[in-house]
Amino acid sequence: MEQLKLIAETRHATGTGASRRLRAQDKIPAVMYGHRSDPVSITLDRLRFRAALNAAGPNAIITLELDGHDHLTIVKDMQRDSIANRVTHVDFLLISLDETLEVDVPIRLVGDAALAGREGAVVQQQLMSLHVESPAGVIPPALDVNVESLSLENPIRVSDLALPDGMESLLDGDTLVAIAQRTRAAVAAEQLDAAGQPVSADEAGAADED
């Protein structure tokens, strides 16, 4: 799992007005809690926080340096401005590397789906992230799923995924991750009308709907 370090500062002023002033300075109000400790109000640099998440993903372990002490955390929750889509508040959860967590890990399809292509099909991703239980130290930024073996008769299911040691999926093994789906052009090429002429893609689509 990717680990990053950010400098945090203790936040003494709270409330809407104080938070608005912090955001105007490109800082994010946040709170750090967990391990039976009292919540601590903090602030951090917005641009550095955004760069950290962009580099390592939403499940990265982030070491927050606060008043000379390091604290291992992950992002538990983020609030965003609905218009600008900027992060406006972050909840950091204190963790240890061997602690078991429940998180959603993004799924990334990789490889060349040559088998599906030869069948006149394209890849359709059905599951965007996997809900897992895992030690914090082994959670990857994303799960890479190879689609080289994907075909019409061979979809990829959760049970087919190779997970890191110690990680367990909390979804049913039959849940579809990716399927091969015929294109309209491929269907149209195989469907002939009564005169033996190829059916148009639009007609093929209409036939599929019926």
N, C-alpha and C. Protein backbone atom coordinates (compact mmCIF):
# COMPACT_ATOMS: atom_id res chain seq x y z
N MET A 1 0.83 -1.19 0.00
CA MET A 1 0.00 0.00 0.00
C MET A 1 0.87 1.24 0.00
N GLU A 2 0.49 2.20 -0.83
CA GLU A 2 1.23 3.45 -0.91
C GLU A 2 1.15 4.21 0.42
N GLN A 3 2.29 4.76 0.87
CA GLN A 3 2.31 5.56 2.09
C GLN A 3 2.84 6.95 1.77
N LEU A 4 2.20 7.95 2.32
CA LEU A 4 2.55 9.34 2.06
C LEU A 4 2.64 10.09 3.39
N LYS A 5 3.26 11.24 3.34
CA LYS A 5 3.36 12.04 4.55
C LYS A 5 2.93 13.47 4.25
N LEU A 6 2.09 14.02 5.12
CA LEU A 6 1.63 15.39 5.00
C LEU A 6 1.80 16.09 6.35
N ILE A 7 2.05 17.37 6.29
CA ILE A 7 2.16 18.19 7.50
C ILE A 7 0.78 18.72 7.84
N ALA A 8 0.37 18.51 9.08
CA ALA A 8 -0.91 19.03 9.57
C ALA A 8 -0.65 20.03 10.69
N GLU A 9 -1.60 20.92 10.88
CA GLU A 9 -1.52 21.90 11.96
C GLU A 9 -2.78 21.79 12.82
N THR A 10 -2.60 22.01 14.11
CA THR A 10 -3.75 22.00 15.02
C THR A 10 -4.67 23.16 14.69
N ARG A 11 -5.94 22.89 14.62
CA ARG A 11 -6.93 23.93 14.30
C ARG A 11 -7.66 24.32 15.58
N HIS A 12 -7.47 25.59 15.96
CA HIS A 12 -8.09 26.07 17.20
C HIS A 12 -9.44 26.72 16.96
N ALA A 13 -9.55 27.45 15.87
CA ALA A 13 -10.83 28.12 15.55
C ALA A 13 -11.70 27.17 14.75
N THR A 14 -12.94 27.01 15.16
CA THR A 14 -13.87 26.14 14.45
C THR A 14 -15.10 26.93 14.04
N GLY A 15 -16.00 26.29 13.33
CA GLY A 15 -17.21 26.97 12.88
C GLY A 15 -17.14 27.32 11.41
N THR A 16 -18.29 27.73 10.87
CA THR A 16 -18.41 28.01 9.44
C THR A 16 -17.49 29.13 8.99
N GLY A 17 -17.46 30.22 9.74
CA GLY A 17 -16.64 31.36 9.36
C GLY A 17 -15.16 31.03 9.34
N ALA A 18 -14.70 30.32 10.37
CA ALA A 18 -13.28 29.94 10.43
C ALA A 18 -12.91 29.00 9.30
N SER A 19 -13.81 28.06 8.99
CA SER A 19 -13.54 27.13 7.89
C SER A 19 -13.49 27.85 6.56
N ARG A 20 -14.37 28.83 6.39
CA ARG A 20 -14.37 29.59 5.14
C ARG A 20 -13.06 30.35 4.97
N ARG A 21 -12.52 30.90 6.04
CA ARG A 21 -11.26 31.64 5.96
C ARG A 21 -10.11 30.69 5.63
N LEU A 22 -10.14 29.49 6.19
CA LEU A 22 -9.09 28.52 5.89
C LEU A 22 -9.11 28.13 4.41
N ARG A 23 -10.30 27.90 3.89
CA ARG A 23 -10.40 27.49 2.48
C ARG A 23 -9.94 28.61 1.56
N ALA A 24 -10.14 29.85 1.98
CA ALA A 24 -9.67 30.99 1.18
C ALA A 24 -8.15 31.04 1.13
N GLN A 25 -7.50 30.39 2.12
CA GLN A 25 -6.04 30.32 2.15
C GLN A 25 -5.51 29.01 1.54
N ASP A 26 -6.38 28.30 0.82
CA ASP A 26 -6.03 27.01 0.21
C ASP A 26 -5.68 25.96 1.26
N LYS A 27 -6.37 26.01 2.38
CA LYS A 27 -6.21 25.00 3.42
C LYS A 27 -7.54 24.26 3.61
N ILE A 28 -7.45 23.02 4.07
CA ILE A 28 -8.63 22.20 4.28
C ILE A 28 -8.81 21.94 5.77
N PRO A 29 -9.97 22.28 6.32
CA PRO A 29 -10.26 21.86 7.70
C PRO A 29 -10.48 20.35 7.74
N ALA A 30 -10.01 19.72 8.79
CA ALA A 30 -10.12 18.27 8.89
C ALA A 30 -10.21 17.87 10.35
N VAL A 31 -10.47 16.57 10.55
CA VAL A 31 -10.50 16.02 11.91
C VAL A 31 -9.81 14.67 11.88
N MET A 32 -9.07 14.36 12.92
CA MET A 32 -8.36 13.10 13.05
C MET A 32 -8.88 12.39 14.30
N TYR A 33 -9.28 11.13 14.15
CA TYR A 33 -9.86 10.41 15.29
C TYR A 33 -9.61 8.91 15.15
N GLY A 34 -9.95 8.18 16.21
CA GLY A 34 -9.79 6.74 16.20
C GLY A 34 -8.91 6.25 17.32
N HIS A 35 -8.84 4.92 17.48
CA HIS A 35 -8.04 4.29 18.54
C HIS A 35 -8.39 4.85 19.92
N ARG A 36 -9.67 5.11 20.10
CA ARG A 36 -10.21 5.57 21.39
C ARG A 36 -9.62 6.90 21.86
N SER A 37 -9.09 7.66 20.92
CA SER A 37 -8.56 8.98 21.29
C SER A 37 -9.60 10.05 20.97
N ASP A 38 -9.47 11.18 21.62
CA ASP A 38 -10.39 12.29 21.35
C ASP A 38 -10.13 12.84 19.94
N PRO A 39 -11.19 13.22 19.23
CA PRO A 39 -10.99 13.83 17.91
C PRO A 39 -10.15 15.09 18.00
N VAL A 40 -9.27 15.27 17.00
CA VAL A 40 -8.41 16.44 16.96
C VAL A 40 -8.71 17.22 15.69
N SER A 41 -9.03 18.50 15.84
CA SER A 41 -9.29 19.36 14.69
C SER A 41 -7.97 19.84 14.12
N ILE A 42 -7.79 19.66 12.80
CA ILE A 42 -6.52 20.00 12.15
C ILE A 42 -6.79 20.72 10.83
N THR A 43 -5.73 21.23 10.24
CA THR A 43 -5.79 21.78 8.89
C THR A 43 -4.61 21.24 8.09
N LEU A 44 -4.75 21.20 6.76
CA LEU A 44 -3.65 20.81 5.90
C LEU A 44 -3.75 21.54 4.57
N ASP A 45 -2.64 21.57 3.86
CA ASP A 45 -2.57 22.26 2.59
C ASP A 45 -3.42 21.52 1.55
N ARG A 46 -4.32 22.26 0.90
CA ARG A 46 -5.26 21.63 -0.04
C ARG A 46 -4.54 21.04 -1.24
N LEU A 47 -3.59 21.77 -1.83
CA LEU A 47 -2.91 21.30 -3.04
C LEU A 47 -2.06 20.06 -2.76
N ARG A 48 -1.38 20.03 -1.61
CA ARG A 48 -0.57 18.87 -1.28
C ARG A 48 -1.44 17.65 -0.99
N PHE A 49 -2.58 17.88 -0.36
CA PHE A 49 -3.50 16.77 -0.10
C PHE A 49 -4.04 16.22 -1.41
N ARG A 50 -4.43 17.09 -2.33
CA ARG A 50 -4.95 16.65 -3.62
C ARG A 50 -3.90 15.87 -4.40
N ALA A 51 -2.64 16.36 -4.37
CA ALA A 51 -1.56 15.67 -5.07
C ALA A 51 -1.32 14.28 -4.48
N ALA A 52 -1.44 14.16 -3.16
CA ALA A 52 -1.24 12.87 -2.50
C ALA A 52 -2.29 11.87 -2.94
N LEU A 53 -3.55 12.28 -2.97
CA LEU A 53 -4.62 11.37 -3.37
C LEU A 53 -4.52 11.01 -4.84
N ASN A 54 -4.16 11.98 -5.66
CA ASN A 54 -4.01 11.70 -7.09
C ASN A 54 -2.90 10.68 -7.35
N ALA A 55 -1.85 10.75 -6.53
CA ALA A 55 -0.70 9.87 -6.72
C ALA A 55 -0.95 8.47 -6.20
N ALA A 56 -1.67 8.35 -5.09
CA ALA A 56 -1.75 7.06 -4.40
C ALA A 56 -3.14 6.48 -4.29
N GLY A 57 -4.17 7.23 -4.62
CA GLY A 57 -5.52 6.69 -4.56
C GLY A 57 -6.18 6.93 -3.21
N PRO A 58 -7.49 6.65 -3.14
CA PRO A 58 -8.27 7.01 -1.95
C PRO A 58 -7.95 6.18 -0.71
N ASN A 59 -7.32 5.00 -0.88
CA ASN A 59 -7.03 4.14 0.28
C ASN A 59 -5.59 4.23 0.76
N ALA A 60 -4.88 5.26 0.32
CA ALA A 60 -3.47 5.40 0.71
C ALA A 60 -3.35 5.62 2.22
N ILE A 61 -2.31 5.04 2.78
CA ILE A 61 -1.97 5.35 4.17
C ILE A 61 -1.25 6.69 4.17
N ILE A 62 -1.76 7.61 4.94
CA ILE A 62 -1.19 8.95 5.02
C ILE A 62 -0.66 9.18 6.43
N THR A 63 0.62 9.45 6.52
CA THR A 63 1.21 9.82 7.80
C THR A 63 1.02 11.32 7.99
N LEU A 64 0.28 11.68 9.02
CA LEU A 64 0.09 13.09 9.35
C LEU A 64 1.09 13.47 10.43
N GLU A 65 1.94 14.43 10.10
CA GLU A 65 2.88 14.95 11.10
C GLU A 65 2.20 16.14 11.79
N LEU A 66 1.93 15.96 13.07
CA LEU A 66 1.24 16.99 13.84
C LEU A 66 2.01 17.27 15.13
N ASP A 67 2.46 18.51 15.27
CA ASP A 67 3.20 18.92 16.47
C ASP A 67 4.39 18.00 16.75
N GLY A 68 5.08 17.61 15.68
CA GLY A 68 6.29 16.81 15.85
C GLY A 68 6.05 15.32 16.01
N HIS A 69 4.80 14.87 15.96
CA HIS A 69 4.49 13.46 16.11
C HIS A 69 3.83 12.93 14.83
N ASP A 70 4.17 11.70 14.45
CA ASP A 70 3.60 11.08 13.26
C ASP A 70 2.41 10.21 13.63
N HIS A 71 1.36 10.28 12.80
CA HIS A 71 0.14 9.51 13.03
C HIS A 71 -0.25 8.82 11.72
N LEU A 72 -0.36 7.49 11.74
CA LEU A 72 -0.79 6.74 10.57
C LEU A 72 -2.31 6.86 10.42
N THR A 73 -2.76 7.25 9.23
CA THR A 73 -4.19 7.44 9.01
C THR A 73 -4.59 7.00 7.60
N ILE A 74 -5.87 6.84 7.40
CA ILE A 74 -6.44 6.76 6.06
C ILE A 74 -7.60 7.74 6.01
N VAL A 75 -7.99 8.12 4.81
CA VAL A 75 -9.14 9.01 4.65
C VAL A 75 -10.41 8.19 4.86
N LYS A 76 -11.18 8.56 5.86
CA LYS A 76 -12.43 7.86 6.14
C LYS A 76 -13.60 8.49 5.40
N ASP A 77 -13.55 9.81 5.25
CA ASP A 77 -14.66 10.50 4.59
C ASP A 77 -14.16 11.84 4.06
N MET A 78 -14.73 12.27 2.94
CA MET A 78 -14.41 13.58 2.37
C MET A 78 -15.71 14.28 1.99
N GLN A 79 -15.77 15.56 2.27
CA GLN A 79 -16.88 16.37 1.80
C GLN A 79 -16.38 17.28 0.68
N ARG A 80 -17.22 17.47 -0.33
CA ARG A 80 -16.84 18.29 -1.48
C ARG A 80 -17.86 19.38 -1.74
N ASP A 81 -17.37 20.47 -2.30
CA ASP A 81 -18.25 21.53 -2.78
C ASP A 81 -18.98 21.00 -4.02
N SER A 82 -20.31 21.07 -4.00
CA SER A 82 -21.10 20.49 -5.09
C SER A 82 -20.91 21.22 -6.42
N ILE A 83 -20.47 22.46 -6.38
CA ILE A 83 -20.30 23.25 -7.61
C ILE A 83 -18.87 23.16 -8.12
N ALA A 84 -17.91 23.50 -7.28
CA ALA A 84 -16.50 23.50 -7.69
C ALA A 84 -15.85 22.13 -7.57
N ASN A 85 -16.51 21.19 -6.87
CA ASN A 85 -15.99 19.84 -6.65
C ASN A 85 -14.66 19.85 -5.90
N ARG A 86 -14.47 20.88 -5.09
CA ARG A 86 -13.28 20.95 -4.25
C ARG A 86 -13.55 20.27 -2.91
N VAL A 87 -12.51 19.63 -2.36
CA VAL A 87 -12.63 19.03 -1.04
C VAL A 87 -12.77 20.14 0.00
N THR A 88 -13.80 20.04 0.82
CA THR A 88 -14.05 21.08 1.83
C THR A 88 -13.80 20.60 3.26
N HIS A 89 -13.75 19.29 3.46
CA HIS A 89 -13.49 18.75 4.81
C HIS A 89 -13.08 17.30 4.67
N VAL A 90 -12.16 16.87 5.55
CA VAL A 90 -11.67 15.49 5.50
C VAL A 90 -11.71 14.89 6.91
N ASP A 91 -12.17 13.63 6.97
CA ASP A 91 -12.08 12.86 8.21
C ASP A 91 -10.95 11.85 8.05
N PHE A 92 -9.96 11.91 8.94
CA PHE A 92 -8.85 10.95 8.94
C PHE A 92 -9.05 9.96 10.09
N LEU A 93 -8.92 8.66 9.77
CA LEU A 93 -9.05 7.62 10.78
C LEU A 93 -7.66 7.10 11.15
N LEU A 94 -7.35 7.12 12.43
CA LEU A 94 -6.08 6.58 12.92
C LEU A 94 -6.07 5.07 12.76
N ILE A 95 -4.95 4.52 12.28
CA ILE A 95 -4.86 3.08 12.05
C ILE A 95 -3.49 2.57 12.46
N SER A 96 -3.34 1.24 12.43
CA SER A 96 -2.03 0.58 12.49
C SER A 96 -1.92 -0.30 11.26
N LEU A 97 -0.71 -0.64 10.84
CA LEU A 97 -0.51 -1.36 9.58
C LEU A 97 -1.13 -2.75 9.58
N ASP A 98 -1.21 -3.39 10.75
CA ASP A 98 -1.78 -4.74 10.81
C ASP A 98 -3.27 -4.72 11.15
N GLU A 99 -3.85 -3.55 11.24
CA GLU A 99 -5.27 -3.43 11.56
C GLU A 99 -6.12 -3.82 10.35
N THR A 100 -7.21 -4.55 10.60
CA THR A 100 -8.11 -4.97 9.53
C THR A 100 -9.15 -3.89 9.27
N LEU A 101 -9.29 -3.52 7.98
CA LEU A 101 -10.21 -2.45 7.60
C LEU A 101 -11.17 -2.96 6.53
N GLU A 102 -12.32 -2.30 6.45
CA GLU A 102 -13.24 -2.50 5.34
C GLU A 102 -13.16 -1.30 4.42
N VAL A 103 -12.79 -1.52 3.16
CA VAL A 103 -12.63 -0.43 2.21
C VAL A 103 -13.12 -0.87 0.84
N ASP A 104 -13.34 0.09 -0.04
CA ASP A 104 -13.66 -0.17 -1.44
C ASP A 104 -12.41 0.10 -2.27
N VAL A 105 -11.92 -0.93 -2.96
CA VAL A 105 -10.72 -0.80 -3.78
C VAL A 105 -11.13 -0.67 -5.25
N PRO A 106 -10.70 0.39 -5.93
CA PRO A 106 -11.06 0.55 -7.36
C PRO A 106 -10.56 -0.63 -8.19
N ILE A 107 -11.35 -1.00 -9.20
CA ILE A 107 -10.98 -2.06 -10.14
C ILE A 107 -10.55 -1.43 -11.45
N ARG A 108 -9.39 -1.84 -11.95
CA ARG A 108 -8.84 -1.30 -13.19
C ARG A 108 -8.64 -2.45 -14.17
N LEU A 109 -9.33 -2.40 -15.32
CA LEU A 109 -9.20 -3.44 -16.33
C LEU A 109 -7.94 -3.19 -17.16
N VAL A 110 -7.13 -4.24 -17.34
CA VAL A 110 -5.88 -4.12 -18.09
C VAL A 110 -5.80 -5.28 -19.09
N GLY A 111 -4.91 -5.14 -20.06
CA GLY A 111 -4.70 -6.19 -21.05
C GLY A 111 -5.54 -5.99 -22.30
N ASP A 112 -5.27 -6.85 -23.28
CA ASP A 112 -5.95 -6.79 -24.57
C ASP A 112 -7.00 -7.90 -24.65
N ALA A 113 -8.27 -7.50 -24.78
CA ALA A 113 -9.36 -8.48 -24.84
C ALA A 113 -9.49 -9.03 -26.26
N ALA A 114 -8.45 -9.74 -26.71
CA ALA A 114 -8.41 -10.22 -28.09
C ALA A 114 -9.48 -11.26 -28.37
N LEU A 115 -9.75 -12.15 -27.40
CA LEU A 115 -10.78 -13.17 -27.60
C LEU A 115 -12.14 -12.53 -27.83
N ALA A 116 -12.47 -11.56 -27.00
CA ALA A 116 -13.75 -10.86 -27.14
C ALA A 116 -13.82 -10.15 -28.49
N GLY A 117 -12.70 -9.56 -28.91
CA GLY A 117 -12.67 -8.85 -30.18
C GLY A 117 -12.94 -9.76 -31.35
N ARG A 118 -12.38 -10.97 -31.30
CA ARG A 118 -12.61 -11.92 -32.40
C ARG A 118 -14.06 -12.39 -32.44
N GLU A 119 -14.75 -12.27 -31.33
CA GLU A 119 -16.17 -12.65 -31.28
C GLU A 119 -17.09 -11.49 -31.63
N GLY A 120 -16.50 -10.37 -32.04
CA GLY A 120 -17.31 -9.20 -32.34
C GLY A 120 -17.90 -8.56 -31.10
N ALA A 121 -17.17 -8.65 -29.98
CA ALA A 121 -17.68 -8.14 -28.70
C ALA A 121 -16.73 -7.09 -28.14
N VAL A 122 -17.26 -6.29 -27.25
CA VAL A 122 -16.47 -5.29 -26.54
C VAL A 122 -16.58 -5.56 -25.04
N VAL A 123 -15.62 -5.03 -24.30
CA VAL A 123 -15.59 -5.23 -22.85
C VAL A 123 -16.55 -4.26 -22.17
N GLN A 124 -17.35 -4.80 -21.27
CA GLN A 124 -18.24 -3.98 -20.45
C GLN A 124 -17.90 -4.21 -18.99
N GLN A 125 -17.41 -3.17 -18.31
CA GLN A 125 -17.08 -3.30 -16.89
C GLN A 125 -18.35 -3.18 -16.07
N GLN A 126 -18.62 -4.19 -15.24
CA GLN A 126 -19.83 -4.25 -14.44
C GLN A 126 -19.62 -3.79 -13.00
N LEU A 127 -18.40 -3.91 -12.51
CA LEU A 127 -18.09 -3.58 -11.12
C LEU A 127 -16.90 -2.63 -11.09
N MET A 128 -17.10 -1.46 -10.50
CA MET A 128 -16.06 -0.43 -10.51
C MET A 128 -15.12 -0.51 -9.31
N SER A 129 -15.58 -1.11 -8.22
CA SER A 129 -14.72 -1.25 -7.04
C SER A 129 -15.14 -2.50 -6.28
N LEU A 130 -14.22 -3.02 -5.50
CA LEU A 130 -14.46 -4.24 -4.73
C LEU A 130 -14.45 -3.91 -3.25
N HIS A 131 -15.52 -4.30 -2.56
CA HIS A 131 -15.61 -4.08 -1.12
C HIS A 131 -14.87 -5.22 -0.42
N VAL A 132 -13.84 -4.89 0.33
CA VAL A 132 -12.97 -5.92 0.90
C VAL A 132 -12.75 -5.68 2.39
N GLU A 133 -12.27 -6.73 3.03
CA GLU A 133 -11.74 -6.65 4.39
C GLU A 133 -10.28 -7.05 4.29
N SER A 134 -9.40 -6.19 4.84
CA SER A 134 -7.98 -6.43 4.60
C SER A 134 -7.12 -5.73 5.65
N PRO A 135 -5.95 -6.30 5.95
CA PRO A 135 -4.98 -5.54 6.74
C PRO A 135 -4.61 -4.25 6.01
N ALA A 136 -4.50 -3.18 6.74
CA ALA A 136 -4.27 -1.88 6.12
C ALA A 136 -3.02 -1.85 5.27
N GLY A 137 -2.00 -2.58 5.68
CA GLY A 137 -0.71 -2.50 5.00
C GLY A 137 -0.64 -3.17 3.64
N VAL A 138 -1.68 -3.93 3.24
CA VAL A 138 -1.61 -4.62 1.95
C VAL A 138 -2.64 -4.11 0.95
N ILE A 139 -3.40 -3.11 1.30
CA ILE A 139 -4.44 -2.60 0.40
C ILE A 139 -3.78 -1.82 -0.74
N PRO A 140 -3.98 -2.25 -2.00
CA PRO A 140 -3.35 -1.56 -3.13
C PRO A 140 -4.16 -0.34 -3.56
N PRO A 141 -3.55 0.57 -4.33
CA PRO A 141 -4.31 1.71 -4.86
C PRO A 141 -5.47 1.26 -5.74
N ALA A 142 -5.27 0.14 -6.46
CA ALA A 142 -6.31 -0.40 -7.33
C ALA A 142 -6.03 -1.87 -7.57
N LEU A 143 -7.06 -2.62 -7.95
CA LEU A 143 -6.91 -4.01 -8.34
C LEU A 143 -6.87 -4.09 -9.86
N ASP A 144 -5.77 -4.56 -10.43
CA ASP A 144 -5.65 -4.72 -11.87
C ASP A 144 -6.24 -6.08 -12.27
N VAL A 145 -7.22 -6.05 -13.17
CA VAL A 145 -7.89 -7.26 -13.63
C VAL A 145 -7.60 -7.43 -15.12
N ASN A 146 -6.91 -8.52 -15.47
CA ASN A 146 -6.55 -8.77 -16.86
C ASN A 146 -7.73 -9.34 -17.62
N VAL A 147 -8.02 -8.76 -18.80
CA VAL A 147 -9.19 -9.17 -19.59
C VAL A 147 -8.81 -10.03 -20.80
N GLU A 148 -7.58 -10.52 -20.85
CA GLU A 148 -7.15 -11.30 -22.02
C GLU A 148 -7.98 -12.57 -22.21
N SER A 149 -8.44 -13.18 -21.12
CA SER A 149 -9.22 -14.42 -21.22
C SER A 149 -10.72 -14.17 -21.34
N LEU A 150 -11.13 -12.92 -21.33
CA LEU A 150 -12.56 -12.59 -21.37
C LEU A 150 -13.15 -12.94 -22.73
N SER A 151 -14.32 -13.59 -22.72
CA SER A 151 -15.03 -13.93 -23.95
C SER A 151 -16.52 -13.96 -23.65
N LEU A 152 -17.32 -14.20 -24.69
CA LEU A 152 -18.77 -14.24 -24.49
C LEU A 152 -19.18 -15.30 -23.47
N GLU A 153 -18.49 -16.43 -23.50
CA GLU A 153 -18.83 -17.53 -22.60
C GLU A 153 -17.99 -17.52 -21.33
N ASN A 154 -17.10 -16.58 -21.21
CA ASN A 154 -16.19 -16.57 -20.07
C ASN A 154 -16.09 -15.18 -19.46
N PRO A 155 -17.13 -14.74 -18.73
CA PRO A 155 -17.05 -13.44 -18.05
C PRO A 155 -16.10 -13.52 -16.86
N ILE A 156 -15.73 -12.38 -16.34
CA ILE A 156 -14.88 -12.33 -15.15
C ILE A 156 -15.76 -12.04 -13.94
N ARG A 157 -15.63 -12.91 -12.93
CA ARG A 157 -16.42 -12.76 -11.71
C ARG A 157 -15.49 -12.45 -10.53
N VAL A 158 -16.09 -12.04 -9.43
CA VAL A 158 -15.30 -11.72 -8.24
C VAL A 158 -14.45 -12.92 -7.82
N SER A 159 -14.99 -14.12 -7.97
CA SER A 159 -14.24 -15.32 -7.57
C SER A 159 -12.99 -15.54 -8.42
N ASP A 160 -12.90 -14.88 -9.58
CA ASP A 160 -11.73 -15.03 -10.46
C ASP A 160 -10.59 -14.10 -10.08
N LEU A 161 -10.83 -13.15 -9.20
CA LEU A 161 -9.83 -12.13 -8.90
C LEU A 161 -8.74 -12.68 -8.00
N ALA A 162 -7.50 -12.30 -8.31
CA ALA A 162 -6.36 -12.66 -7.46
C ALA A 162 -6.13 -11.51 -6.48
N LEU A 163 -6.41 -11.77 -5.21
CA LEU A 163 -6.31 -10.74 -4.19
C LEU A 163 -5.02 -10.89 -3.39
N PRO A 164 -4.48 -9.78 -2.88
CA PRO A 164 -3.28 -9.87 -2.04
C PRO A 164 -3.52 -10.76 -0.82
N ASP A 165 -2.45 -11.34 -0.30
CA ASP A 165 -2.55 -12.19 0.90
C ASP A 165 -3.19 -11.41 2.04
N GLY A 166 -4.18 -12.02 2.66
CA GLY A 166 -4.85 -11.39 3.79
C GLY A 166 -6.08 -10.60 3.43
N MET A 167 -6.27 -10.32 2.14
CA MET A 167 -7.44 -9.56 1.70
C MET A 167 -8.57 -10.51 1.35
N GLU A 168 -9.78 -10.17 1.76
CA GLU A 168 -10.95 -11.01 1.50
C GLU A 168 -12.07 -10.15 0.93
N SER A 169 -12.66 -10.62 -0.16
CA SER A 169 -13.79 -9.92 -0.74
C SER A 169 -15.02 -10.10 0.13
N LEU A 170 -15.80 -9.04 0.27
CA LEU A 170 -17.05 -9.10 1.01
C LEU A 170 -18.26 -9.17 0.07
N LEU A 171 -17.99 -9.37 -1.22
CA LEU A 171 -19.06 -9.53 -2.21
C LEU A 171 -19.19 -11.00 -2.59
N ASP A 172 -20.37 -11.38 -3.07
CA ASP A 172 -20.60 -12.74 -3.54
C ASP A 172 -19.65 -13.06 -4.69
N GLY A 173 -19.10 -14.26 -4.68
CA GLY A 173 -18.13 -14.65 -5.70
C GLY A 173 -18.68 -14.65 -7.11
N ASP A 174 -20.01 -14.78 -7.26
CA ASP A 174 -20.62 -14.80 -8.59
C ASP A 174 -20.86 -13.39 -9.16
N THR A 175 -20.58 -12.37 -8.38
CA THR A 175 -20.77 -11.00 -8.86
C THR A 175 -19.91 -10.74 -10.08
N LEU A 176 -20.53 -10.21 -11.13
CA LEU A 176 -19.80 -9.96 -12.38
C LEU A 176 -18.90 -8.74 -12.26
N VAL A 177 -17.68 -8.90 -12.73
CA VAL A 177 -16.73 -7.79 -12.78
C VAL A 177 -16.68 -7.20 -14.19
N ALA A 178 -16.61 -8.07 -15.20
CA ALA A 178 -16.56 -7.62 -16.60
C ALA A 178 -17.17 -8.70 -17.48
N ILE A 179 -17.84 -8.27 -18.55
CA ILE A 179 -18.42 -9.20 -19.52
C ILE A 179 -18.04 -8.77 -20.92
N ALA A 180 -18.17 -9.70 -21.86
CA ALA A 180 -18.02 -9.39 -23.28
C ALA A 180 -19.42 -9.25 -23.87
N GLN A 181 -19.67 -8.16 -24.57
CA GLN A 181 -21.00 -7.91 -25.13
C GLN A 181 -20.90 -7.66 -26.62
N ARG A 182 -21.72 -8.38 -27.40
CA ARG A 182 -21.69 -8.23 -28.84
C ARG A 182 -22.07 -6.81 -29.25
N THR A 183 -21.37 -6.30 -30.25
CA THR A 183 -21.72 -4.99 -30.80
C THR A 183 -22.89 -5.13 -31.76
N ARG A 184 -23.58 -4.03 -32.02
CA ARG A 184 -24.70 -4.06 -32.97
C ARG A 184 -24.22 -4.46 -34.37
N ALA A 185 -23.02 -3.99 -34.72
CA ALA A 185 -22.50 -4.30 -36.04
C ALA A 185 -22.27 -5.80 -36.19
N ALA A 186 -21.77 -6.44 -35.13
CA ALA A 186 -21.52 -7.88 -35.18
C ALA A 186 -22.82 -8.66 -35.28
N VAL A 187 -23.83 -8.22 -34.54
CA VAL A 187 -25.13 -8.89 -34.60
C VAL A 187 -25.75 -8.71 -35.97
N ALA A 188 -25.66 -7.49 -36.51
CA ALA A 188 -26.27 -7.21 -37.81
C ALA A 188 -25.63 -8.03 -38.91
N ALA A 189 -24.33 -8.28 -38.80
CA ALA A 189 -23.63 -9.04 -39.84
C ALA A 189 -24.11 -10.48 -39.92
N GLU A 190 -24.67 -11.00 -38.83
CA GLU A 190 -25.10 -12.39 -38.79
C GLU A 190 -26.60 -12.56 -39.07
N GLN A 191 -27.33 -11.48 -38.99
CA GLN A 191 -28.78 -11.56 -39.18
C GLN A 191 -29.14 -11.21 -40.62
N LEU A 192 -29.80 -12.08 -41.27
CA LEU A 192 -30.19 -11.87 -42.66
C LEU A 192 -31.71 -11.77 -42.76
N ASP A 193 -32.16 -10.88 -43.63
CA ASP A 193 -33.60 -10.79 -43.84
C ASP A 193 -34.05 -11.90 -44.79
N ALA A 194 -35.28 -11.92 -45.12
CA ALA A 194 -35.84 -12.99 -45.95
C ALA A 194 -35.20 -13.06 -47.32
N ALA A 195 -34.71 -11.92 -47.83
CA ALA A 195 -34.09 -11.89 -49.16
C ALA A 195 -32.61 -12.23 -49.11
N GLY A 196 -32.13 -12.51 -47.92
CA GLY A 196 -30.72 -12.86 -47.77
C GLY A 196 -29.80 -11.68 -47.70
N GLN A 197 -30.36 -10.49 -47.43
CA GLN A 197 -29.54 -9.29 -47.31
C GLN A 197 -29.25 -9.00 -45.84
N PRO A 198 -28.08 -8.46 -45.53
CA PRO A 198 -27.76 -8.12 -44.14
C PRO A 198 -28.75 -7.11 -43.57
N VAL A 199 -29.13 -7.31 -42.32
CA VAL A 199 -30.01 -6.38 -41.64
C VAL A 199 -29.17 -5.21 -41.14
N SER A 200 -29.73 -4.00 -41.20
CA SER A 200 -28.99 -2.82 -40.75
C SER A 200 -28.79 -2.88 -39.25
N ALA A 201 -27.83 -2.10 -38.78
CA ALA A 201 -27.54 -2.05 -37.35
C ALA A 201 -28.77 -1.58 -36.56
N ASP A 202 -29.52 -0.59 -37.12
CA ASP A 202 -30.70 -0.09 -36.44
C ASP A 202 -31.75 -1.19 -36.30
N GLU A 203 -31.93 -1.98 -37.38
CA GLU A 203 -32.91 -3.07 -37.35
C GLU A 203 -32.47 -4.16 -36.38
N ALA A 204 -31.16 -4.40 -36.34
CA ALA A 204 -30.66 -5.40 -35.41
C ALA A 204 -30.90 -4.97 -33.99
N GLY A 205 -30.71 -3.66 -33.74
CA GLY A 205 -30.95 -3.16 -32.40
C GLY A 205 -32.41 -3.30 -32.02
N ALA A 206 -33.31 -3.03 -32.99
CA ALA A 206 -34.73 -3.15 -32.72
C ALA A 206 -35.09 -4.60 -32.44
N ALA A 207 -34.47 -5.52 -33.20
CA ALA A 207 -34.74 -6.95 -32.97
C ALA A 207 -34.30 -7.37 -31.57
N ASP A 208 -33.15 -6.82 -31.14
CA ASP A 208 -32.66 -7.16 -29.80
C ASP A 208 -33.63 -6.70 -28.74
N GLU A 209 -34.21 -5.50 -28.94
CA GLU A 209 -35.14 -4.95 -27.96
C GLU A 209 -36.40 -5.78 -27.88
N ASP A 210 -36.85 -6.34 -29.06
CA ASP A 210 -38.03 -7.18 -29.05
C ASP A 210 -37.76 -8.47 -28.27
